[in-house]
C-alpha cells in the first residue's frame, strides 16, 4: 500500500528517511555523503514521485522504494 509521504508527521518522515539512508547495503559510491544530504536527496525523490513510502501489510513494515520497486510491491 502506498502511503502519501505528506500524510506522515514531519518527525516520523524524518526518522523513516534517516533509517532508510543508513541501512546496511545502501551504497552511494566512493565518496562519503553526510546523512542529512542523503535524507534531502530521498525527500526530493518523494516530492518528484521517483520514490514512495510503502506499507507492507504482511510484515506490517514501512519502507521507501523506487518507482519500479514500489509498483511491484503494490501489484503483487
N, C-alpha and C. Protein backbone atom coordinates (compact mmCIF):
# COMPACT_ATOMS: atom_id res chain seq x y z
N UNK A 1 0.85 -1.16 0.00
CA UNK A 1 0.00 0.00 0.00
C UNK A 1 0.91 1.24 0.00
N UNK A 2 0.66 2.13 -0.95
CA UNK A 2 1.41 3.39 -0.99
C UNK A 2 0.85 4.35 0.06
N UNK A 3 1.75 4.99 0.77
CA UNK A 3 1.36 5.97 1.78
C UNK A 3 1.88 7.33 1.31
N UNK A 4 1.01 8.29 1.07
CA UNK A 4 1.49 9.62 0.69
C UNK A 4 2.40 10.17 1.80
N UNK A 5 3.62 10.53 1.43
CA UNK A 5 4.57 10.99 2.44
C UNK A 5 4.05 12.23 3.18
N UNK A 6 3.19 13.00 2.52
CA UNK A 6 2.66 14.21 3.14
C UNK A 6 1.75 13.89 4.33
N UNK A 7 1.24 12.66 4.39
CA UNK A 7 0.36 12.26 5.49
C UNK A 7 1.13 11.94 6.77
N UNK A 8 2.44 11.75 6.64
CA UNK A 8 3.25 11.42 7.81
C UNK A 8 3.62 12.67 8.58
N UNK A 9 3.67 12.54 9.89
CA UNK A 9 4.15 13.64 10.72
C UNK A 9 5.59 13.96 10.30
N UNK A 10 5.99 15.20 10.39
CA UNK A 10 7.32 15.64 9.97
C UNK A 10 8.42 14.81 10.63
N UNK A 11 8.31 14.61 11.93
CA UNK A 11 9.33 13.86 12.67
C UNK A 11 9.34 12.39 12.26
N UNK A 12 8.17 11.81 12.01
CA UNK A 12 8.08 10.42 11.58
C UNK A 12 8.74 10.23 10.22
N UNK A 13 8.46 11.14 9.30
CA UNK A 13 9.08 11.07 7.97
C UNK A 13 10.59 11.22 8.09
N UNK A 14 11.04 12.15 8.90
CA UNK A 14 12.48 12.36 9.08
C UNK A 14 13.15 11.08 9.59
N UNK A 15 12.57 10.45 10.58
CA UNK A 15 13.15 9.21 11.13
C UNK A 15 13.12 8.08 10.11
N UNK A 16 12.05 7.98 9.36
CA UNK A 16 11.95 6.96 8.32
C UNK A 16 13.05 7.15 7.28
N UNK A 17 13.25 8.39 6.84
CA UNK A 17 14.28 8.67 5.84
C UNK A 17 15.67 8.43 6.40
N UNK A 18 15.91 8.83 7.64
CA UNK A 18 17.21 8.57 8.26
C UNK A 18 17.48 7.08 8.35
N UNK A 19 16.48 6.31 8.75
CA UNK A 19 16.63 4.86 8.82
C UNK A 19 16.94 4.29 7.44
N UNK A 20 16.22 4.75 6.44
CA UNK A 20 16.40 4.25 5.08
C UNK A 20 17.81 4.51 4.57
N UNK A 21 18.31 5.72 4.72
CA UNK A 21 19.62 6.06 4.13
C UNK A 21 20.79 5.50 4.91
N UNK A 22 20.55 5.03 6.13
CA UNK A 22 21.66 4.47 6.93
C UNK A 22 21.63 2.95 6.99
N UNK A 23 20.71 2.32 6.29
CA UNK A 23 20.63 0.86 6.29
C UNK A 23 21.87 0.25 5.66
N UNK A 24 22.23 -0.94 6.14
CA UNK A 24 23.31 -1.69 5.52
C UNK A 24 22.94 -1.99 4.08
N UNK A 25 23.92 -1.89 3.21
CA UNK A 25 23.69 -2.19 1.80
C UNK A 25 23.31 -0.97 0.99
N UNK A 26 23.12 0.17 1.64
CA UNK A 26 22.85 1.40 0.91
C UNK A 26 24.17 1.96 0.44
N UNK A 27 24.37 2.01 -0.87
CA UNK A 27 25.65 2.41 -1.43
C UNK A 27 25.51 3.71 -2.20
N UNK A 28 26.31 4.67 -1.84
CA UNK A 28 26.29 5.97 -2.52
C UNK A 28 27.60 6.24 -3.26
N UNK A 29 28.37 5.17 -3.53
CA UNK A 29 29.60 5.33 -4.29
C UNK A 29 30.81 5.51 -3.40
N UNK A 30 31.90 5.94 -4.02
CA UNK A 30 33.18 6.06 -3.33
C UNK A 30 33.23 7.25 -2.38
N UNK A 31 32.48 8.27 -2.67
CA UNK A 31 32.53 9.50 -1.87
C UNK A 31 31.52 9.43 -0.73
N UNK A 32 31.99 9.75 0.48
CA UNK A 32 31.10 9.75 1.65
C UNK A 32 30.19 10.97 1.59
N UNK A 33 28.90 10.74 1.77
CA UNK A 33 27.90 11.82 1.73
C UNK A 33 27.26 11.89 3.12
N UNK A 34 27.15 13.08 3.70
CA UNK A 34 26.53 13.22 5.03
C UNK A 34 25.09 12.70 5.02
N UNK A 35 24.67 12.15 6.15
CA UNK A 35 23.32 11.61 6.29
C UNK A 35 22.27 12.66 5.95
N UNK A 36 22.45 13.89 6.40
CA UNK A 36 21.46 14.94 6.14
C UNK A 36 21.30 15.18 4.64
N UNK A 37 22.39 15.09 3.90
CA UNK A 37 22.32 15.27 2.44
C UNK A 37 21.57 14.11 1.80
N UNK A 38 21.84 12.90 2.26
CA UNK A 38 21.14 11.72 1.74
C UNK A 38 19.64 11.82 2.00
N UNK A 39 19.29 12.26 3.20
CA UNK A 39 17.87 12.41 3.57
C UNK A 39 17.20 13.41 2.63
N UNK A 40 17.85 14.53 2.36
CA UNK A 40 17.26 15.53 1.47
C UNK A 40 17.14 15.01 0.05
N UNK A 41 18.10 14.20 -0.39
CA UNK A 41 18.02 13.61 -1.72
C UNK A 41 16.79 12.71 -1.84
N UNK A 42 16.57 11.88 -0.82
CA UNK A 42 15.42 10.97 -0.85
C UNK A 42 14.12 11.76 -0.70
N UNK A 43 14.12 12.79 0.13
CA UNK A 43 12.93 13.64 0.28
C UNK A 43 12.56 14.27 -1.07
N UNK A 44 13.56 14.72 -1.81
CA UNK A 44 13.31 15.29 -3.14
C UNK A 44 12.77 14.23 -4.10
N UNK A 45 13.25 13.00 -3.99
CA UNK A 45 12.72 11.91 -4.82
C UNK A 45 11.26 11.65 -4.50
N UNK A 46 10.90 11.74 -3.23
CA UNK A 46 9.49 11.59 -2.84
C UNK A 46 8.65 12.70 -3.47
N UNK A 47 9.14 13.92 -3.41
CA UNK A 47 8.41 15.05 -3.96
C UNK A 47 8.23 14.92 -5.47
N UNK A 48 9.22 14.36 -6.15
CA UNK A 48 9.17 14.20 -7.61
C UNK A 48 8.48 12.90 -8.02
N UNK A 49 8.01 12.14 -7.04
CA UNK A 49 7.38 10.84 -7.25
C UNK A 49 8.31 9.86 -7.96
N UNK A 50 9.59 9.94 -7.62
CA UNK A 50 10.58 8.98 -8.07
C UNK A 50 10.77 7.89 -7.02
N UNK A 51 10.31 8.17 -5.80
CA UNK A 51 10.35 7.22 -4.69
C UNK A 51 9.03 7.35 -3.93
N UNK A 52 8.69 6.28 -3.20
CA UNK A 52 7.41 6.23 -2.50
C UNK A 52 7.57 5.56 -1.14
N UNK A 53 6.70 5.95 -0.20
CA UNK A 53 6.62 5.28 1.09
C UNK A 53 5.63 4.14 0.90
N UNK A 54 6.07 2.92 1.24
CA UNK A 54 5.25 1.73 1.02
C UNK A 54 5.07 0.99 2.35
N UNK A 55 3.82 0.66 2.66
CA UNK A 55 3.49 -0.14 3.83
C UNK A 55 3.20 -1.56 3.37
N UNK A 56 3.91 -2.52 3.96
CA UNK A 56 3.70 -3.94 3.65
C UNK A 56 2.77 -4.50 4.72
N UNK A 57 1.56 -4.86 4.30
CA UNK A 57 0.55 -5.35 5.25
C UNK A 57 0.91 -6.70 5.84
N UNK A 58 1.66 -7.52 5.10
CA UNK A 58 2.03 -8.85 5.58
C UNK A 58 3.04 -8.74 6.73
N UNK A 59 4.07 -7.93 6.52
CA UNK A 59 5.11 -7.80 7.54
C UNK A 59 4.85 -6.63 8.49
N UNK A 60 3.82 -5.85 8.18
CA UNK A 60 3.48 -4.66 8.95
C UNK A 60 4.69 -3.74 9.11
N UNK A 61 5.38 -3.54 7.98
CA UNK A 61 6.56 -2.68 7.98
C UNK A 61 6.41 -1.61 6.91
N UNK A 62 7.18 -0.56 7.06
CA UNK A 62 7.14 0.55 6.11
C UNK A 62 8.55 0.78 5.58
N UNK A 63 8.63 1.15 4.32
CA UNK A 63 9.92 1.40 3.69
C UNK A 63 9.78 2.45 2.61
N UNK A 64 10.91 2.88 2.11
CA UNK A 64 10.96 3.79 0.96
C UNK A 64 11.45 2.97 -0.22
N UNK A 65 10.77 3.09 -1.35
CA UNK A 65 11.12 2.31 -2.53
C UNK A 65 11.12 3.20 -3.76
N UNK A 66 11.95 2.84 -4.72
CA UNK A 66 11.91 3.50 -6.02
C UNK A 66 10.61 3.16 -6.72
N UNK A 67 10.31 3.89 -7.80
CA UNK A 67 9.04 3.75 -8.50
C UNK A 67 8.77 2.32 -8.95
N UNK A 68 9.74 1.67 -9.62
CA UNK A 68 9.53 0.31 -10.12
C UNK A 68 9.33 -0.68 -8.98
N UNK A 69 10.17 -0.58 -7.95
CA UNK A 69 10.06 -1.48 -6.81
C UNK A 69 8.73 -1.28 -6.09
N UNK A 70 8.29 -0.06 -5.95
CA UNK A 70 7.00 0.22 -5.30
C UNK A 70 5.86 -0.34 -6.10
N UNK A 71 5.91 -0.19 -7.44
CA UNK A 71 4.86 -0.74 -8.30
C UNK A 71 4.77 -2.26 -8.15
N UNK A 72 5.93 -2.92 -8.10
CA UNK A 72 5.96 -4.37 -7.93
C UNK A 72 5.37 -4.77 -6.58
N UNK A 73 5.73 -4.04 -5.53
CA UNK A 73 5.26 -4.35 -4.19
C UNK A 73 3.75 -4.18 -4.09
N UNK A 74 3.23 -3.14 -4.68
CA UNK A 74 1.79 -2.84 -4.60
C UNK A 74 0.99 -3.81 -5.45
N UNK A 75 1.52 -4.21 -6.59
CA UNK A 75 0.78 -5.06 -7.52
C UNK A 75 1.00 -6.55 -7.30
N UNK A 76 1.75 -6.93 -6.27
CA UNK A 76 1.96 -8.37 -6.03
C UNK A 76 1.00 -8.94 -5.03
